Amino acid sequence: MAIINLREMKVNQTGKITSVRVAGELGRRIRDMGLITGTEITVQGRAPLYDPVALRVRGFTLSLRNSEADHIDVEVI
């Protein structure tokens, strides 16, 4: 399986988070939203200018900016 950046995922693509590569306040915020290693996510959609991205995570929809998605690596399923 290929490991890519979350920002590179396409709509309806599913994957598992392999790492969150940011520390500090932003890292804590991302982890508090449930985006931790091993979590399965699906890209539900993107805004017209591709920012933000809508994710399906643990039964709910989450909107994430591309600047935040840049710090998350995903193994595509």
N, C-alpha and C. Protein backbone atom coordinates (compact mmCIF):
# COMPACT_ATOMS: atom_id res chain seq x y z
N MET A 1 0.83 -1.18 0.00
CA MET A 1 0.00 0.00 0.00
C MET A 1 0.88 1.26 0.00
N ALA A 2 0.40 2.26 -0.67
CA ALA A 2 1.16 3.51 -0.80
C ALA A 2 0.86 4.44 0.38
N ILE A 3 1.89 5.11 0.85
CA ILE A 3 1.72 6.12 1.89
C ILE A 3 1.85 7.49 1.23
N ILE A 4 0.78 8.30 1.37
CA ILE A 4 0.76 9.63 0.76
C ILE A 4 0.34 10.65 1.82
N ASN A 5 0.46 11.89 1.45
CA ASN A 5 0.02 12.98 2.30
C ASN A 5 -1.50 13.10 2.19
N LEU A 6 -2.17 13.41 3.28
CA LEU A 6 -3.63 13.54 3.27
C LEU A 6 -4.10 14.54 2.22
N ARG A 7 -3.35 15.58 2.00
CA ARG A 7 -3.71 16.60 1.01
C ARG A 7 -3.81 16.02 -0.40
N GLU A 8 -3.09 14.94 -0.68
CA GLU A 8 -3.05 14.32 -2.01
C GLU A 8 -4.19 13.33 -2.26
N MET A 9 -4.95 13.00 -1.23
CA MET A 9 -6.02 12.03 -1.40
C MET A 9 -7.14 12.59 -2.26
N LYS A 10 -7.79 11.69 -3.00
CA LYS A 10 -8.88 12.07 -3.88
C LYS A 10 -10.22 11.83 -3.18
N VAL A 11 -11.28 12.44 -3.69
CA VAL A 11 -12.62 12.27 -3.14
C VAL A 11 -13.00 10.78 -3.21
N ASN A 12 -13.62 10.28 -2.15
CA ASN A 12 -14.05 8.88 -1.98
C ASN A 12 -12.89 7.92 -1.75
N GLN A 13 -11.68 8.41 -1.58
CA GLN A 13 -10.54 7.55 -1.30
C GLN A 13 -10.47 7.32 0.22
N THR A 14 -10.13 6.10 0.61
CA THR A 14 -10.06 5.73 2.02
C THR A 14 -8.64 5.34 2.38
N GLY A 15 -8.26 5.63 3.62
CA GLY A 15 -6.93 5.26 4.08
C GLY A 15 -6.86 5.26 5.60
N LYS A 16 -5.71 4.79 6.10
CA LYS A 16 -5.45 4.79 7.54
C LYS A 16 -4.30 5.74 7.83
N ILE A 17 -4.45 6.53 8.87
CA ILE A 17 -3.41 7.48 9.24
C ILE A 17 -2.20 6.71 9.75
N THR A 18 -1.02 7.02 9.19
CA THR A 18 0.22 6.38 9.63
C THR A 18 1.03 7.28 10.55
N SER A 19 0.91 8.60 10.37
CA SER A 19 1.62 9.52 11.27
C SER A 19 1.04 10.92 11.19
N VAL A 20 1.19 11.63 12.31
CA VAL A 20 0.86 13.05 12.39
C VAL A 20 2.18 13.74 12.72
N ARG A 21 2.74 14.45 11.75
CA ARG A 21 4.10 14.99 11.85
C ARG A 21 4.14 16.45 12.29
N VAL A 22 3.47 16.76 13.37
CA VAL A 22 3.51 18.12 13.89
C VAL A 22 3.36 18.06 15.41
N ALA A 23 4.06 18.92 16.09
CA ALA A 23 4.00 18.96 17.55
C ALA A 23 3.34 20.27 17.98
N GLY A 24 3.34 20.50 19.26
CA GLY A 24 2.82 21.75 19.78
C GLY A 24 1.32 21.85 19.71
N GLU A 25 0.84 23.09 19.69
CA GLU A 25 -0.59 23.37 19.73
C GLU A 25 -1.33 22.78 18.53
N LEU A 26 -0.78 22.90 17.33
CA LEU A 26 -1.44 22.35 16.14
C LEU A 26 -1.52 20.83 16.22
N GLY A 27 -0.45 20.19 16.64
CA GLY A 27 -0.46 18.73 16.78
C GLY A 27 -1.50 18.27 17.78
N ARG A 28 -1.61 18.96 18.89
CA ARG A 28 -2.61 18.63 19.90
C ARG A 28 -4.02 18.81 19.35
N ARG A 29 -4.23 19.89 18.63
CA ARG A 29 -5.55 20.17 18.05
C ARG A 29 -5.96 19.08 17.06
N ILE A 30 -5.03 18.67 16.21
CA ILE A 30 -5.31 17.61 15.23
C ILE A 30 -5.64 16.31 15.95
N ARG A 31 -4.87 15.95 16.96
CA ARG A 31 -5.12 14.71 17.70
C ARG A 31 -6.43 14.79 18.48
N ASP A 32 -6.77 15.95 19.00
CA ASP A 32 -8.03 16.13 19.73
C ASP A 32 -9.24 15.92 18.82
N MET A 33 -9.08 16.15 17.53
CA MET A 33 -10.17 15.92 16.57
C MET A 33 -10.33 14.45 16.23
N GLY A 34 -9.47 13.58 16.79
CA GLY A 34 -9.57 12.15 16.54
C GLY A 34 -8.66 11.65 15.44
N LEU A 35 -7.81 12.52 14.92
CA LEU A 35 -6.91 12.13 13.83
C LEU A 35 -5.59 11.63 14.42
N ILE A 36 -5.59 10.34 14.79
CA ILE A 36 -4.42 9.72 15.38
C ILE A 36 -4.01 8.50 14.55
N THR A 37 -2.80 8.02 14.77
CA THR A 37 -2.29 6.87 14.03
C THR A 37 -3.25 5.69 14.14
N GLY A 38 -3.53 5.07 12.99
CA GLY A 38 -4.42 3.91 12.94
C GLY A 38 -5.87 4.23 12.63
N THR A 39 -6.24 5.49 12.66
CA THR A 39 -7.63 5.89 12.39
C THR A 39 -7.92 5.83 10.89
N GLU A 40 -9.05 5.21 10.54
CA GLU A 40 -9.46 5.13 9.14
C GLU A 40 -10.23 6.38 8.77
N ILE A 41 -9.90 6.96 7.62
CA ILE A 41 -10.56 8.17 7.15
C ILE A 41 -10.97 7.99 5.69
N THR A 42 -12.01 8.71 5.29
CA THR A 42 -12.46 8.75 3.90
C THR A 42 -12.65 10.21 3.51
N VAL A 43 -12.13 10.59 2.37
CA VAL A 43 -12.32 11.95 1.87
C VAL A 43 -13.72 12.02 1.26
N GLN A 44 -14.58 12.85 1.83
CA GLN A 44 -15.96 12.98 1.34
C GLN A 44 -16.10 14.04 0.27
N GLY A 45 -15.30 15.08 0.34
CA GLY A 45 -15.42 16.14 -0.66
C GLY A 45 -14.40 17.24 -0.42
N ARG A 46 -14.34 18.13 -1.38
CA ARG A 46 -13.44 19.28 -1.30
C ARG A 46 -14.20 20.53 -1.74
N ALA A 47 -13.81 21.65 -1.17
CA ALA A 47 -14.40 22.93 -1.57
C ALA A 47 -13.97 23.24 -3.01
N PRO A 48 -14.64 24.17 -3.68
CA PRO A 48 -14.30 24.49 -5.07
C PRO A 48 -12.83 24.84 -5.31
N LEU A 49 -12.17 25.47 -4.36
CA LEU A 49 -10.75 25.79 -4.53
C LEU A 49 -9.87 24.79 -3.79
N TYR A 50 -10.43 23.59 -3.48
CA TYR A 50 -9.75 22.46 -2.84
C TYR A 50 -9.36 22.70 -1.38
N ASP A 51 -9.83 23.75 -0.77
CA ASP A 51 -9.53 24.00 0.62
C ASP A 51 -10.77 24.58 1.29
N PRO A 52 -11.36 23.97 2.27
CA PRO A 52 -10.90 22.81 3.04
C PRO A 52 -11.34 21.49 2.42
N VAL A 53 -10.98 20.40 3.10
CA VAL A 53 -11.35 19.05 2.70
C VAL A 53 -12.29 18.49 3.77
N ALA A 54 -13.34 17.78 3.34
CA ALA A 54 -14.28 17.15 4.27
C ALA A 54 -13.91 15.67 4.41
N LEU A 55 -13.73 15.24 5.65
CA LEU A 55 -13.33 13.86 5.94
C LEU A 55 -14.41 13.15 6.72
N ARG A 56 -14.54 11.86 6.50
CA ARG A 56 -15.41 11.02 7.32
C ARG A 56 -14.50 10.28 8.29
N VAL A 57 -14.66 10.56 9.59
CA VAL A 57 -13.79 10.01 10.63
C VAL A 57 -14.65 9.51 11.78
N ARG A 58 -14.54 8.24 12.12
CA ARG A 58 -15.23 7.68 13.30
C ARG A 58 -16.72 8.01 13.34
N GLY A 59 -17.37 7.99 12.18
CA GLY A 59 -18.81 8.20 12.14
C GLY A 59 -19.27 9.65 12.07
N PHE A 60 -18.35 10.60 11.95
CA PHE A 60 -18.76 11.99 11.79
C PHE A 60 -17.95 12.65 10.68
N THR A 61 -18.44 13.79 10.21
CA THR A 61 -17.76 14.53 9.16
C THR A 61 -16.93 15.64 9.78
N LEU A 62 -15.70 15.77 9.31
CA LEU A 62 -14.75 16.74 9.85
C LEU A 62 -14.18 17.55 8.69
N SER A 63 -14.12 18.85 8.86
CA SER A 63 -13.53 19.73 7.86
C SER A 63 -12.13 20.10 8.31
N LEU A 64 -11.17 19.99 7.39
CA LEU A 64 -9.77 20.21 7.73
C LEU A 64 -9.13 21.09 6.66
N ARG A 65 -8.38 22.08 7.08
CA ARG A 65 -7.66 22.94 6.13
C ARG A 65 -6.50 22.17 5.51
N ASN A 66 -6.12 22.55 4.31
CA ASN A 66 -4.97 21.91 3.66
C ASN A 66 -3.69 22.14 4.46
N SER A 67 -3.56 23.28 5.10
CA SER A 67 -2.37 23.55 5.91
C SER A 67 -2.27 22.59 7.09
N GLU A 68 -3.40 22.07 7.55
CA GLU A 68 -3.41 21.06 8.61
C GLU A 68 -3.20 19.67 8.02
N ALA A 69 -3.82 19.42 6.88
CA ALA A 69 -3.70 18.11 6.22
C ALA A 69 -2.27 17.82 5.77
N ASP A 70 -1.49 18.85 5.53
CA ASP A 70 -0.09 18.67 5.12
C ASP A 70 0.73 17.88 6.14
N HIS A 71 0.31 17.87 7.39
CA HIS A 71 1.08 17.23 8.46
C HIS A 71 0.67 15.79 8.72
N ILE A 72 -0.26 15.26 7.91
CA ILE A 72 -0.79 13.91 8.15
C ILE A 72 -0.46 13.00 6.98
N ASP A 73 0.17 11.85 7.30
CA ASP A 73 0.47 10.83 6.29
C ASP A 73 -0.54 9.71 6.40
N VAL A 74 -0.96 9.18 5.22
CA VAL A 74 -2.02 8.18 5.16
C VAL A 74 -1.60 7.03 4.28
N GLU A 75 -1.91 5.80 4.74
CA GLU A 75 -1.71 4.60 3.91
C GLU A 75 -3.02 4.37 3.18
N VAL A 76 -3.00 4.48 1.86
CA VAL A 76 -4.21 4.35 1.05
C VAL A 76 -4.63 2.89 1.01
N ILE A 77 -5.95 2.67 1.24
CA ILE A 77 -6.50 1.31 1.23
C ILE A 77 -7.07 1.02 -0.14
